[in-house]
Amino acid sequence: MKLYGSRNSRSLRCAWALEEAGAAYDYQRVWMMKGEGQSPAFKAINPAGKIPVLTDGDMTLTESAAIVMYVADKFPDSLLMPGAPEQRAEVFRWIFYVISEIEPHLWAIAQHRFALPEDKRVPAVEPTCVWQLQRALRVLEKTFATRQFIAGDTFSAADILATHCMTWALSAKLEGVGDAGLAYIERMKVRPAFLRAAEREKLEAERQEANLAKTTS
């Protein structure tokens, strides 16, 4: 398997899932700020020009949530996805909640702050997005006040997505993550698999930047 990703992106979710699963995989950084996502070589892999992408044999899979769920199914011993239907439904519930109720507001804010061309940005949308985000985060805050993990008593794929989005909110300096949410994030970010995933993305970025410096010096 090969994961195409970049530091400070949704690919961290996928690397984290792969590390939780103990999977063997190659990691290739796609330097989006340098335009590599729009290169013919990468667009042959993903015509949308976006990361993350996971290749596994003849299969090419995009969308970070789909990749996390694929890893969970491919490696059932990882416990990323429980076996009982009721427990799986609870994991699916929270995955869909994070992807539909939290991430869209984060992405809208990011788009109108910096990701869209300047003439397409509408800063006036941010207060509404923040209001909607905070409403959604309050549901998580109540959940974390009574649970160690988002979908029950054990870690699951849903925790990867929830942690990533809540950390995203903090990095964007957006209010709404409460004390229970902050404690939850700290529990998740000391997991060895998370630390390995973050380190792998960091080292790959540093390696690529060092190679560029050598070729331009």
N, C-alpha and C. Protein backbone atom coordinates (compact mmCIF):
# COMPACT_ATOMS: atom_id res chain seq x y z
N MET A 1 0.84 -1.19 0.00
CA MET A 1 0.00 0.00 0.00
C MET A 1 0.88 1.25 0.00
N LYS A 2 0.34 2.29 -0.62
CA LYS A 2 1.03 3.58 -0.61
C LYS A 2 0.02 4.67 -0.29
N LEU A 3 0.40 5.55 0.63
CA LEU A 3 -0.42 6.69 0.99
C LEU A 3 0.23 7.95 0.45
N TYR A 4 -0.54 8.70 -0.33
CA TYR A 4 -0.11 9.99 -0.83
C TYR A 4 -0.72 11.05 0.09
N GLY A 5 0.13 11.87 0.66
CA GLY A 5 -0.40 12.84 1.61
C GLY A 5 0.55 14.01 1.79
N SER A 6 0.28 14.78 2.81
CA SER A 6 1.11 15.94 3.12
C SER A 6 0.85 16.33 4.56
N ARG A 7 1.85 16.89 5.17
CA ARG A 7 1.72 17.34 6.55
C ARG A 7 0.63 18.42 6.66
N ASN A 8 -0.03 18.46 7.80
CA ASN A 8 -1.09 19.46 8.04
C ASN A 8 -2.24 19.31 7.06
N SER A 9 -2.63 18.08 6.80
CA SER A 9 -3.75 17.82 5.90
C SER A 9 -4.56 16.64 6.44
N ARG A 10 -5.61 16.29 5.73
CA ARG A 10 -6.44 15.16 6.13
C ARG A 10 -5.72 13.82 6.01
N SER A 11 -4.57 13.80 5.36
CA SER A 11 -3.86 12.53 5.22
C SER A 11 -3.38 11.99 6.57
N LEU A 12 -3.27 12.86 7.57
CA LEU A 12 -2.89 12.38 8.90
C LEU A 12 -3.89 11.35 9.40
N ARG A 13 -5.16 11.54 9.10
CA ARG A 13 -6.18 10.58 9.51
C ARG A 13 -5.85 9.18 8.98
N CYS A 14 -5.45 9.15 7.72
CA CYS A 14 -5.19 7.87 7.06
C CYS A 14 -3.92 7.22 7.60
N ALA A 15 -2.87 8.03 7.77
CA ALA A 15 -1.64 7.50 8.34
C ALA A 15 -1.88 6.96 9.75
N TRP A 16 -2.69 7.67 10.51
CA TRP A 16 -3.02 7.23 11.87
C TRP A 16 -3.74 5.88 11.84
N ALA A 17 -4.72 5.74 10.96
CA ALA A 17 -5.44 4.47 10.85
C ALA A 17 -4.49 3.34 10.46
N LEU A 18 -3.62 3.60 9.50
CA LEU A 18 -2.66 2.58 9.08
C LEU A 18 -1.72 2.19 10.21
N GLU A 19 -1.30 3.17 11.00
CA GLU A 19 -0.43 2.88 12.14
C GLU A 19 -1.18 2.09 13.22
N GLU A 20 -2.43 2.44 13.48
CA GLU A 20 -3.23 1.67 14.44
C GLU A 20 -3.37 0.23 13.99
N ALA A 21 -3.47 0.04 12.67
CA ALA A 21 -3.64 -1.31 12.12
C ALA A 21 -2.34 -2.10 12.05
N GLY A 22 -1.22 -1.41 12.26
CA GLY A 22 0.07 -2.09 12.11
C GLY A 22 0.37 -2.45 10.67
N ALA A 23 -0.18 -1.68 9.73
CA ALA A 23 -0.04 -1.98 8.31
C ALA A 23 1.32 -1.53 7.79
N ALA A 24 1.83 -2.28 6.84
CA ALA A 24 3.04 -1.88 6.12
C ALA A 24 2.62 -1.01 4.94
N TYR A 25 3.16 0.20 4.85
CA TYR A 25 2.77 1.09 3.76
C TYR A 25 3.91 2.05 3.46
N ASP A 26 3.94 2.49 2.22
CA ASP A 26 4.85 3.55 1.81
C ASP A 26 4.11 4.88 1.93
N TYR A 27 4.86 5.92 2.20
CA TYR A 27 4.26 7.25 2.31
C TYR A 27 4.96 8.17 1.32
N GLN A 28 4.18 8.79 0.46
CA GLN A 28 4.75 9.74 -0.50
C GLN A 28 4.12 11.10 -0.30
N ARG A 29 4.95 12.06 0.03
CA ARG A 29 4.44 13.42 0.22
C ARG A 29 4.12 14.05 -1.13
N VAL A 30 2.97 14.68 -1.20
CA VAL A 30 2.59 15.48 -2.36
C VAL A 30 2.64 16.94 -1.91
N TRP A 31 3.56 17.67 -2.45
CA TRP A 31 3.82 19.03 -2.00
C TRP A 31 2.80 19.96 -2.64
N MET A 32 1.66 20.10 -2.00
CA MET A 32 0.53 20.82 -2.58
C MET A 32 0.86 22.30 -2.80
N MET A 33 1.60 22.91 -1.88
CA MET A 33 1.91 24.33 -2.01
C MET A 33 2.85 24.61 -3.18
N LYS A 34 3.52 23.58 -3.67
CA LYS A 34 4.39 23.71 -4.84
C LYS A 34 3.68 23.29 -6.12
N GLY A 35 2.40 22.98 -6.02
CA GLY A 35 1.63 22.62 -7.21
C GLY A 35 1.70 21.17 -7.62
N GLU A 36 2.29 20.30 -6.78
CA GLU A 36 2.43 18.91 -7.17
C GLU A 36 1.09 18.20 -7.33
N GLY A 37 0.07 18.69 -6.60
CA GLY A 37 -1.24 18.07 -6.74
C GLY A 37 -1.82 18.22 -8.13
N GLN A 38 -1.39 19.27 -8.85
CA GLN A 38 -1.90 19.53 -10.20
C GLN A 38 -0.97 19.01 -11.29
N SER A 39 0.08 18.31 -10.89
CA SER A 39 1.02 17.79 -11.88
C SER A 39 0.37 16.64 -12.66
N PRO A 40 0.74 16.45 -13.92
CA PRO A 40 0.18 15.34 -14.70
C PRO A 40 0.40 13.98 -14.03
N ALA A 41 1.56 13.82 -13.38
CA ALA A 41 1.86 12.53 -12.75
C ALA A 41 0.88 12.24 -11.62
N PHE A 42 0.59 13.26 -10.79
CA PHE A 42 -0.33 13.00 -9.68
C PHE A 42 -1.77 12.95 -10.16
N LYS A 43 -2.13 13.76 -11.13
CA LYS A 43 -3.51 13.75 -11.61
C LYS A 43 -3.84 12.46 -12.35
N ALA A 44 -2.81 11.72 -12.75
CA ALA A 44 -3.06 10.39 -13.30
C ALA A 44 -3.49 9.43 -12.19
N ILE A 45 -3.11 9.75 -10.96
CA ILE A 45 -3.52 8.94 -9.80
C ILE A 45 -4.86 9.41 -9.28
N ASN A 46 -5.01 10.71 -9.12
CA ASN A 46 -6.28 11.30 -8.68
C ASN A 46 -6.59 12.50 -9.56
N PRO A 47 -7.50 12.36 -10.50
CA PRO A 47 -7.81 13.47 -11.41
C PRO A 47 -8.27 14.74 -10.70
N ALA A 48 -8.77 14.60 -9.47
CA ALA A 48 -9.18 15.78 -8.72
C ALA A 48 -7.99 16.58 -8.21
N GLY A 49 -6.81 15.96 -8.21
CA GLY A 49 -5.61 16.67 -7.77
C GLY A 49 -5.56 16.90 -6.28
N LYS A 50 -6.24 16.07 -5.50
CA LYS A 50 -6.32 16.27 -4.06
C LYS A 50 -5.75 15.08 -3.30
N ILE A 51 -5.35 15.36 -2.07
CA ILE A 51 -4.90 14.32 -1.16
C ILE A 51 -5.91 14.23 -0.01
N PRO A 52 -5.91 13.08 0.68
CA PRO A 52 -5.06 11.90 0.53
C PRO A 52 -5.58 10.95 -0.54
N VAL A 53 -4.67 10.07 -0.95
CA VAL A 53 -4.99 8.96 -1.84
C VAL A 53 -4.30 7.73 -1.29
N LEU A 54 -5.00 6.61 -1.28
CA LEU A 54 -4.40 5.33 -0.90
C LEU A 54 -4.47 4.39 -2.09
N THR A 55 -3.34 3.80 -2.45
CA THR A 55 -3.34 2.75 -3.46
C THR A 55 -3.03 1.43 -2.79
N ASP A 56 -3.75 0.41 -3.21
CA ASP A 56 -3.56 -0.93 -2.65
C ASP A 56 -3.77 -1.92 -3.78
N GLY A 57 -2.66 -2.40 -4.35
CA GLY A 57 -2.77 -3.24 -5.53
C GLY A 57 -3.35 -2.43 -6.68
N ASP A 58 -4.42 -2.95 -7.28
CA ASP A 58 -5.05 -2.27 -8.40
C ASP A 58 -6.06 -1.21 -7.96
N MET A 59 -6.29 -1.08 -6.67
CA MET A 59 -7.29 -0.15 -6.18
C MET A 59 -6.68 1.20 -5.85
N THR A 60 -7.37 2.25 -6.24
CA THR A 60 -7.00 3.61 -5.86
C THR A 60 -8.19 4.22 -5.15
N LEU A 61 -7.98 4.68 -3.92
CA LEU A 61 -9.08 5.17 -3.09
C LEU A 61 -8.79 6.59 -2.64
N THR A 62 -9.77 7.46 -2.82
CA THR A 62 -9.67 8.84 -2.34
C THR A 62 -10.68 9.04 -1.21
N GLU A 63 -10.67 10.23 -0.62
CA GLU A 63 -11.53 10.64 0.49
C GLU A 63 -11.04 10.02 1.80
N SER A 64 -10.63 10.87 2.72
CA SER A 64 -9.98 10.40 3.94
C SER A 64 -10.86 9.48 4.78
N ALA A 65 -12.15 9.80 4.91
CA ALA A 65 -13.03 8.95 5.71
C ALA A 65 -13.17 7.58 5.08
N ALA A 66 -13.27 7.53 3.76
CA ALA A 66 -13.37 6.24 3.06
C ALA A 66 -12.09 5.42 3.26
N ILE A 67 -10.95 6.10 3.23
CA ILE A 67 -9.67 5.39 3.44
C ILE A 67 -9.60 4.83 4.85
N VAL A 68 -9.98 5.62 5.84
CA VAL A 68 -9.96 5.15 7.23
C VAL A 68 -10.87 3.93 7.38
N MET A 69 -12.05 3.98 6.79
CA MET A 69 -12.99 2.86 6.91
C MET A 69 -12.49 1.64 6.16
N TYR A 70 -11.81 1.85 5.04
CA TYR A 70 -11.22 0.73 4.30
C TYR A 70 -10.15 0.04 5.13
N VAL A 71 -9.29 0.84 5.74
CA VAL A 71 -8.25 0.26 6.60
C VAL A 71 -8.88 -0.52 7.75
N ALA A 72 -9.94 0.03 8.32
CA ALA A 72 -10.62 -0.66 9.42
C ALA A 72 -11.16 -2.01 8.98
N ASP A 73 -11.71 -2.09 7.76
CA ASP A 73 -12.25 -3.36 7.26
C ASP A 73 -11.14 -4.32 6.84
N LYS A 74 -10.08 -3.78 6.28
CA LYS A 74 -8.99 -4.64 5.80
C LYS A 74 -8.22 -5.28 6.94
N PHE A 75 -8.16 -4.57 8.07
CA PHE A 75 -7.41 -5.06 9.22
C PHE A 75 -8.35 -5.17 10.42
N PRO A 76 -9.21 -6.18 10.44
CA PRO A 76 -10.20 -6.28 11.52
C PRO A 76 -9.60 -6.46 12.90
N ASP A 77 -8.39 -7.00 12.96
CA ASP A 77 -7.76 -7.17 14.27
C ASP A 77 -7.32 -5.84 14.88
N SER A 78 -7.34 -4.77 14.10
CA SER A 78 -6.94 -3.46 14.63
C SER A 78 -7.96 -2.90 15.59
N LEU A 79 -9.18 -3.41 15.54
CA LEU A 79 -10.29 -2.94 16.40
C LEU A 79 -10.71 -1.52 16.06
N LEU A 80 -10.33 -1.04 14.87
CA LEU A 80 -10.82 0.26 14.43
C LEU A 80 -12.32 0.23 14.19
N MET A 81 -12.83 -0.96 13.87
CA MET A 81 -14.26 -1.13 13.65
C MET A 81 -14.73 -2.37 14.40
N PRO A 82 -15.63 -2.21 15.36
CA PRO A 82 -16.09 -3.37 16.13
C PRO A 82 -16.89 -4.34 15.28
N GLY A 83 -17.03 -5.56 15.77
CA GLY A 83 -17.71 -6.58 15.00
C GLY A 83 -19.21 -6.60 15.17
N ALA A 84 -19.71 -6.27 16.34
CA ALA A 84 -21.15 -6.32 16.61
C ALA A 84 -21.88 -5.23 15.83
N PRO A 85 -23.00 -5.56 15.20
CA PRO A 85 -23.72 -4.57 14.39
C PRO A 85 -24.09 -3.30 15.17
N GLU A 86 -24.51 -3.46 16.41
CA GLU A 86 -24.91 -2.29 17.20
C GLU A 86 -23.72 -1.36 17.45
N GLN A 87 -22.56 -1.97 17.74
CA GLN A 87 -21.36 -1.17 17.99
C GLN A 87 -20.86 -0.52 16.70
N ARG A 88 -20.93 -1.25 15.59
CA ARG A 88 -20.53 -0.68 14.30
C ARG A 88 -21.42 0.51 13.94
N ALA A 89 -22.71 0.36 14.21
CA ALA A 89 -23.64 1.45 13.91
C ALA A 89 -23.28 2.71 14.69
N GLU A 90 -22.84 2.53 15.93
CA GLU A 90 -22.45 3.68 16.75
C GLU A 90 -21.20 4.35 16.17
N VAL A 91 -20.26 3.55 15.69
CA VAL A 91 -19.07 4.11 15.05
C VAL A 91 -19.46 4.87 13.79
N PHE A 92 -20.30 4.23 12.96
CA PHE A 92 -20.75 4.91 11.73
C PHE A 92 -21.47 6.21 12.06
N ARG A 93 -22.29 6.18 13.09
CA ARG A 93 -23.03 7.39 13.48
C ARG A 93 -22.10 8.56 13.71
N TRP A 94 -21.03 8.33 14.45
CA TRP A 94 -20.14 9.43 14.80
C TRP A 94 -19.23 9.82 13.64
N ILE A 95 -18.86 8.86 12.80
CA ILE A 95 -18.10 9.20 11.60
C ILE A 95 -18.93 10.15 10.73
N PHE A 96 -20.19 9.77 10.50
CA PHE A 96 -21.05 10.60 9.65
C PHE A 96 -21.34 11.95 10.30
N TYR A 97 -21.46 11.96 11.62
CA TYR A 97 -21.71 13.23 12.31
C TYR A 97 -20.53 14.19 12.11
N VAL A 98 -19.33 13.68 12.32
CA VAL A 98 -18.14 14.54 12.18
C VAL A 98 -18.01 15.05 10.75
N ILE A 99 -18.20 14.15 9.78
CA ILE A 99 -18.01 14.52 8.38
C ILE A 99 -19.10 15.45 7.88
N SER A 100 -20.31 15.33 8.40
CA SER A 100 -21.41 16.14 7.87
C SER A 100 -21.73 17.37 8.71
N GLU A 101 -21.45 17.34 10.03
CA GLU A 101 -21.86 18.43 10.90
C GLU A 101 -20.71 19.30 11.40
N ILE A 102 -19.48 18.80 11.33
CA ILE A 102 -18.35 19.56 11.85
C ILE A 102 -17.39 19.96 10.74
N GLU A 103 -16.93 19.00 9.97
CA GLU A 103 -15.92 19.31 8.96
C GLU A 103 -16.38 20.34 7.92
N PRO A 104 -17.62 20.33 7.43
CA PRO A 104 -17.99 21.32 6.41
C PRO A 104 -17.79 22.77 6.86
N HIS A 105 -18.04 23.04 8.12
CA HIS A 105 -17.87 24.42 8.61
C HIS A 105 -16.39 24.78 8.72
N LEU A 106 -15.58 23.82 9.15
CA LEU A 106 -14.14 24.05 9.20
C LEU A 106 -13.58 24.33 7.81
N TRP A 107 -14.02 23.54 6.84
CA TRP A 107 -13.51 23.69 5.49
C TRP A 107 -14.00 24.99 4.86
N ALA A 108 -15.25 25.36 5.14
CA ALA A 108 -15.76 26.63 4.61
C ALA A 108 -14.96 27.81 5.15
N ILE A 109 -14.65 27.76 6.44
CA ILE A 109 -13.84 28.83 7.03
C ILE A 109 -12.47 28.89 6.38
N ALA A 110 -11.84 27.72 6.22
CA ALA A 110 -10.51 27.68 5.60
C ALA A 110 -10.56 28.18 4.16
N GLN A 111 -11.59 27.80 3.43
CA GLN A 111 -11.69 28.25 2.04
C GLN A 111 -11.77 29.77 1.95
N HIS A 112 -12.59 30.35 2.80
CA HIS A 112 -12.80 31.79 2.70
C HIS A 112 -11.72 32.60 3.41
N ARG A 113 -10.86 31.91 4.17
CA ARG A 113 -9.69 32.60 4.74
C ARG A 113 -8.52 32.60 3.78
N PHE A 114 -8.26 31.44 3.11
CA PHE A 114 -7.05 31.36 2.31
C PHE A 114 -7.10 30.41 1.12
N ALA A 115 -7.96 29.39 1.14
CA ALA A 115 -7.86 28.34 0.13
C ALA A 115 -8.43 28.75 -1.23
N LEU A 116 -9.48 29.55 -1.24
CA LEU A 116 -10.08 29.98 -2.50
C LEU A 116 -9.28 31.13 -3.11
N PRO A 117 -9.40 31.34 -4.42
CA PRO A 117 -8.83 32.55 -5.01
C PRO A 117 -9.42 33.78 -4.31
N GLU A 118 -8.64 34.81 -4.20
CA GLU A 118 -9.06 35.97 -3.42
C GLU A 118 -10.39 36.54 -3.89
N ASP A 119 -10.64 36.52 -5.18
CA ASP A 119 -11.88 37.12 -5.68
C ASP A 119 -13.10 36.24 -5.43
N LYS A 120 -12.88 35.03 -4.89
CA LYS A 120 -13.99 34.13 -4.58
C LYS A 120 -14.26 34.04 -3.08
N ARG A 121 -13.42 34.68 -2.28
CA ARG A 121 -13.58 34.61 -0.83
C ARG A 121 -14.65 35.59 -0.35
N VAL A 122 -15.44 35.12 0.61
CA VAL A 122 -16.49 35.95 1.20
C VAL A 122 -16.31 35.89 2.73
N PRO A 123 -15.49 36.77 3.31
CA PRO A 123 -15.22 36.72 4.74
C PRO A 123 -16.48 36.81 5.60
N ALA A 124 -17.52 37.39 5.07
CA ALA A 124 -18.75 37.57 5.87
C ALA A 124 -19.42 36.25 6.22
N VAL A 125 -19.05 35.14 5.56
CA VAL A 125 -19.69 33.86 5.88
C VAL A 125 -19.13 33.26 7.18
N GLU A 126 -17.95 33.74 7.62
CA GLU A 126 -17.30 33.07 8.75
C GLU A 126 -18.12 33.09 10.04
N PRO A 127 -18.72 34.20 10.45
CA PRO A 127 -19.49 34.16 11.69
C PRO A 127 -20.60 33.10 11.69
N THR A 128 -21.27 32.92 10.57
CA THR A 128 -22.31 31.89 10.49
C THR A 128 -21.70 30.50 10.60
N CYS A 129 -20.58 30.29 9.93
CA CYS A 129 -19.90 28.99 10.01
C CYS A 129 -19.44 28.70 11.44
N VAL A 130 -18.92 29.71 12.11
CA VAL A 130 -18.47 29.54 13.49
C VAL A 130 -19.65 29.19 14.39
N TRP A 131 -20.76 29.86 14.20
CA TRP A 131 -21.96 29.58 15.00
C TRP A 131 -22.43 28.14 14.81
N GLN A 132 -22.44 27.68 13.56
CA GLN A 132 -22.86 26.31 13.28
C GLN A 132 -21.85 25.31 13.84
N LEU A 133 -20.57 25.62 13.71
CA LEU A 133 -19.53 24.74 14.24
C LEU A 133 -19.66 24.60 15.75
N GLN A 134 -19.88 25.70 16.44
CA GLN A 134 -19.98 25.65 17.89
C GLN A 134 -21.18 24.85 18.35
N ARG A 135 -22.29 24.95 17.64
CA ARG A 135 -23.46 24.14 17.96
C ARG A 135 -23.13 22.65 17.84
N ALA A 136 -22.42 22.28 16.77
CA ALA A 136 -22.06 20.88 16.55
C ALA A 136 -21.07 20.39 17.60
N LEU A 137 -20.13 21.24 17.97
CA LEU A 137 -19.12 20.85 18.96
C LEU A 137 -19.73 20.66 20.34
N ARG A 138 -20.82 21.35 20.64
CA ARG A 138 -21.46 21.16 21.94
C ARG A 138 -21.97 19.74 22.12
N VAL A 139 -22.39 19.13 21.03
CA VAL A 139 -22.83 17.73 21.10
C VAL A 139 -21.65 16.83 21.49
N LEU A 140 -20.49 17.09 20.90
CA LEU A 140 -19.31 16.31 21.26
C LEU A 140 -18.91 16.55 22.71
N GLU A 141 -19.01 17.78 23.16
CA GLU A 141 -18.62 18.10 24.53
C GLU A 141 -19.47 17.30 25.52
N LYS A 142 -20.75 17.21 25.28
CA LYS A 142 -21.61 16.42 26.17
C LYS A 142 -21.25 14.94 26.11
N THR A 143 -20.87 14.47 24.94
CA THR A 143 -20.48 13.07 24.79
C THR A 143 -19.20 12.77 25.56
N PHE A 144 -18.20 13.63 25.43
CA PHE A 144 -16.92 13.38 26.09
C PHE A 144 -16.98 13.57 27.59
N ALA A 145 -18.02 14.21 28.06
CA ALA A 145 -18.19 14.35 29.51
C ALA A 145 -18.54 13.02 30.15
N THR A 146 -19.02 12.06 29.36
CA THR A 146 -19.45 10.77 29.92
C THR A 146 -18.73 9.58 29.32
N ARG A 147 -17.91 9.80 28.28
CA ARG A 147 -17.24 8.70 27.59
C ARG A 147 -15.76 8.99 27.42
N GLN A 148 -14.96 7.95 27.45
CA GLN A 148 -13.54 8.10 27.17
C GLN A 148 -13.29 8.19 25.67
N PHE A 149 -14.11 7.46 24.89
CA PHE A 149 -14.00 7.44 23.44
C PHE A 149 -15.33 7.87 22.84
N ILE A 150 -15.32 8.31 21.61
CA ILE A 150 -16.53 8.92 21.06
C ILE A 150 -17.66 7.92 20.84
N ALA A 151 -17.32 6.67 20.50
CA ALA A 151 -18.37 5.71 20.14
C ALA A 151 -18.58 4.63 21.20
N GLY A 152 -18.07 4.84 22.39
CA GLY A 152 -18.28 3.82 23.42
C GLY A 152 -17.09 3.66 24.33
N ASP A 153 -16.80 2.42 24.68
CA ASP A 153 -15.76 2.13 25.67
C ASP A 153 -14.39 1.86 25.06
N THR A 154 -14.31 1.78 23.74
CA THR A 154 -13.03 1.46 23.11
C THR A 154 -12.74 2.42 21.96
N PHE A 155 -11.47 2.55 21.63
CA PHE A 155 -11.02 3.37 20.51
C PHE A 155 -11.57 2.80 19.21
N SER A 156 -11.91 3.70 18.27
CA SER A 156 -12.41 3.26 16.96
C SER A 156 -12.02 4.27 15.90
N ALA A 157 -12.37 3.94 14.67
CA ALA A 157 -12.10 4.83 13.54
C ALA A 157 -12.73 6.19 13.74
N ALA A 158 -13.86 6.23 14.43
CA ALA A 158 -14.54 7.52 14.65
C ALA A 158 -13.68 8.47 15.49
N ASP A 159 -12.86 7.93 16.37
CA ASP A 159 -11.99 8.78 17.19
C ASP A 159 -10.95 9.49 16.34
N ILE A 160 -10.49 8.83 15.30
CA ILE A 160 -9.50 9.45 14.42
C ILE A 160 -10.09 10.70 13.77
N LEU A 161 -11.29 10.58 13.24
CA LEU A 161 -11.92 11.71 12.55
C LEU A 161 -12.30 12.82 13.52
N ALA A 162 -12.83 12.44 14.68
CA ALA A 162 -13.22 13.44 15.67
C ALA A 162 -12.01 14.22 16.18
N THR A 163 -10.94 13.51 16.50
CA THR A 163 -9.74 14.17 17.00
C THR A 163 -9.17 15.12 15.97
N HIS A 164 -9.12 14.66 14.72
CA HIS A 164 -8.54 15.50 13.67
C HIS A 164 -9.33 16.79 13.49
N CYS A 165 -10.65 16.69 13.47
CA CYS A 165 -11.46 17.90 13.25
C CYS A 165 -11.39 18.84 14.45
N MET A 166 -11.38 18.30 15.65
CA MET A 166 -11.30 19.16 16.82
C MET A 166 -9.93 19.85 16.90
N THR A 167 -8.89 19.14 16.54
CA THR A 167 -7.56 19.74 16.50
C THR A 167 -7.49 20.82 15.43
N TRP A 168 -8.16 20.56 14.32
CA TRP A 168 -8.26 21.55 13.23
C TRP A 168 -8.90 22.83 13.75
N ALA A 169 -9.97 22.69 14.51
CA ALA A 169 -10.64 23.87 15.07
C ALA A 169 -9.69 24.66 15.97
N LEU A 170 -8.93 23.95 16.80
CA LEU A 170 -7.99 24.63 17.69
C LEU A 170 -6.89 25.34 16.91
N SER A 171 -6.37 24.67 15.87
CA SER A 171 -5.28 25.27 15.09
C SER A 171 -5.76 26.51 14.33
N ALA A 172 -7.06 26.54 14.00
CA ALA A 172 -7.64 27.70 13.33
C ALA A 172 -8.07 28.79 14.30
N LYS A 173 -7.79 28.55 15.60
CA LYS A 173 -8.11 29.50 16.67
C LYS A 173 -9.62 29.79 16.73
N LEU A 174 -10.39 28.71 16.60
CA LEU A 174 -11.84 28.81 16.68
C LEU A 174 -12.31 28.30 18.04
N GLU A 175 -13.21 29.01 18.65
CA GLU A 175 -13.74 28.60 19.95
C GLU A 175 -14.82 27.54 19.77
N GLY A 176 -15.03 26.75 20.83
CA GLY A 176 -16.08 25.75 20.79
C GLY A 176 -15.68 24.41 21.36
N VAL A 177 -14.37 24.15 21.40
CA VAL A 177 -13.90 22.91 22.02
C VAL A 177 -13.80 23.17 23.52
N GLY A 178 -14.62 22.46 24.30
CA GLY A 178 -14.66 22.68 25.74
C GLY A 178 -13.64 21.87 26.50
N ASP A 179 -13.74 21.91 27.82
CA ASP A 179 -12.76 21.22 28.67
C ASP A 179 -12.76 19.71 28.45
N ALA A 180 -13.95 19.13 28.33
CA ALA A 180 -14.02 17.68 28.09
C ALA A 180 -13.42 17.34 26.74
N GLY A 181 -13.64 18.20 25.75
CA GLY A 181 -13.06 17.98 24.43
C GLY A 181 -11.55 18.10 24.44
N LEU A 182 -11.04 19.08 25.17
CA LEU A 182 -9.59 19.24 25.27
C LEU A 182 -8.94 18.04 25.94
N ALA A 183 -9.57 17.53 26.99
CA ALA A 183 -9.04 16.35 27.68
C ALA A 183 -9.06 15.14 26.75
N TYR A 184 -10.12 15.03 25.97
CA TYR A 184 -10.23 13.93 24.99
C TYR A 184 -9.10 14.00 23.97
N ILE A 185 -8.85 15.19 23.43
CA ILE A 185 -7.78 15.35 22.45
C ILE A 185 -6.44 14.93 23.03
N GLU A 186 -6.19 15.33 24.26
CA GLU A 186 -4.92 14.96 24.89
C GLU A 186 -4.80 13.45 25.05
N ARG A 187 -5.89 12.78 25.36
CA ARG A 187 -5.85 11.31 25.46
C ARG A 187 -5.53 10.68 24.12
N MET A 188 -6.12 11.20 23.08
CA MET A 188 -5.92 10.62 21.75
C MET A 188 -4.51 10.88 21.22
N LYS A 189 -3.97 12.06 21.50
CA LYS A 189 -2.70 12.44 20.89
C LYS A 189 -1.48 11.84 21.59
N VAL A 190 -1.69 11.07 22.64
CA VAL A 190 -0.58 10.34 23.23
C VAL A 190 -0.59 8.88 22.80
N ARG A 191 -1.55 8.50 21.98
CA ARG A 191 -1.56 7.13 21.46
C ARG A 191 -0.31 6.92 20.60
N PRO A 192 0.39 5.80 20.78
CA PRO A 192 1.61 5.57 20.00
C PRO A 192 1.38 5.64 18.49
N ALA A 193 0.24 5.14 18.02
CA ALA A 193 -0.02 5.16 16.57
C ALA A 193 -0.17 6.59 16.06
N PHE A 194 -0.80 7.45 16.83
CA PHE A 194 -0.90 8.85 16.42
C PHE A 194 0.49 9.49 16.35
N LEU A 195 1.30 9.24 17.36
CA LEU A 195 2.63 9.82 17.38
C LEU A 195 3.47 9.32 16.21
N ARG A 196 3.35 8.04 15.86
CA ARG A 196 4.10 7.51 14.72
C ARG A 196 3.62 8.15 13.41
N ALA A 197 2.31 8.30 13.27
CA ALA A 197 1.78 8.90 12.04
C ALA A 197 2.24 10.34 11.89
N ALA A 198 2.16 11.11 12.95
CA ALA A 198 2.58 12.51 12.89
C ALA A 198 4.07 12.62 12.59
N GLU A 199 4.86 11.75 13.19
CA GLU A 199 6.30 11.77 12.96
C GLU A 199 6.63 11.38 11.53
N ARG A 200 5.90 10.41 10.99
CA ARG A 200 6.18 9.98 9.61
C ARG A 200 5.91 11.12 8.63
N GLU A 201 4.81 11.83 8.82
CA GLU A 201 4.51 12.96 7.93
C GLU A 201 5.55 14.07 8.09
N LYS A 202 5.97 14.31 9.33
CA LYS A 202 6.97 15.34 9.59
C LYS A 202 8.30 14.99 8.93
N LEU A 203 8.75 13.76 9.09
CA LEU A 203 10.04 13.35 8.54
C LEU A 203 10.03 13.36 7.02
N GLU A 204 8.92 12.95 6.43
CA GLU A 204 8.84 12.95 4.96
C GLU A 204 8.89 14.37 4.42
N ALA A 205 8.21 15.30 5.11
CA ALA A 205 8.26 16.70 4.69
C ALA A 205 9.68 17.25 4.81
N GLU A 206 10.34 16.95 5.91
CA GLU A 206 11.70 17.44 6.12
C GLU A 206 12.66 16.84 5.09
N ARG A 207 12.48 15.56 4.79
CA ARG A 207 13.35 14.90 3.82
C ARG A 207 13.21 15.54 2.45
N GLN A 208 11.96 15.77 2.03
CA GLN A 208 11.73 16.37 0.72
C GLN A 208 12.28 17.78 0.65
N GLU A 209 12.09 18.54 1.70
CA GLU A 209 12.59 19.92 1.71
C GLU A 209 14.12 19.96 1.71
N ALA A 210 14.73 19.01 2.42
CA ALA A 210 16.19 18.94 2.41
C ALA A 210 16.72 18.58 1.03
N ASN A 211 16.05 17.67 0.35
CA ASN A 211 16.47 17.31 -1.00
C ASN A 211 16.34 18.48 -1.96
N LEU A 212 15.27 19.27 -1.80
CA LEU A 212 15.10 20.44 -2.64
C LEU A 212 16.21 21.45 -2.39
N ALA A 213 16.57 21.63 -1.12
CA ALA A 213 17.62 22.58 -0.79
C ALA A 213 18.96 22.16 -1.42
N LYS A 214 19.21 20.85 -1.47
CA LYS A 214 20.46 20.36 -2.07
C LYS A 214 20.49 20.62 -3.57
N THR A 215 19.36 20.44 -4.21
CA THR A 215 19.33 20.59 -5.67
C THR A 215 19.37 22.06 -6.10
N THR A 216 19.01 22.97 -5.20
CA THR A 216 19.00 24.40 -5.55
C THR A 216 20.20 25.15 -5.01
N SER A 217 21.04 24.46 -4.23
CA SER A 217 22.20 25.15 -3.64
C SER A 217 23.38 25.14 -4.59
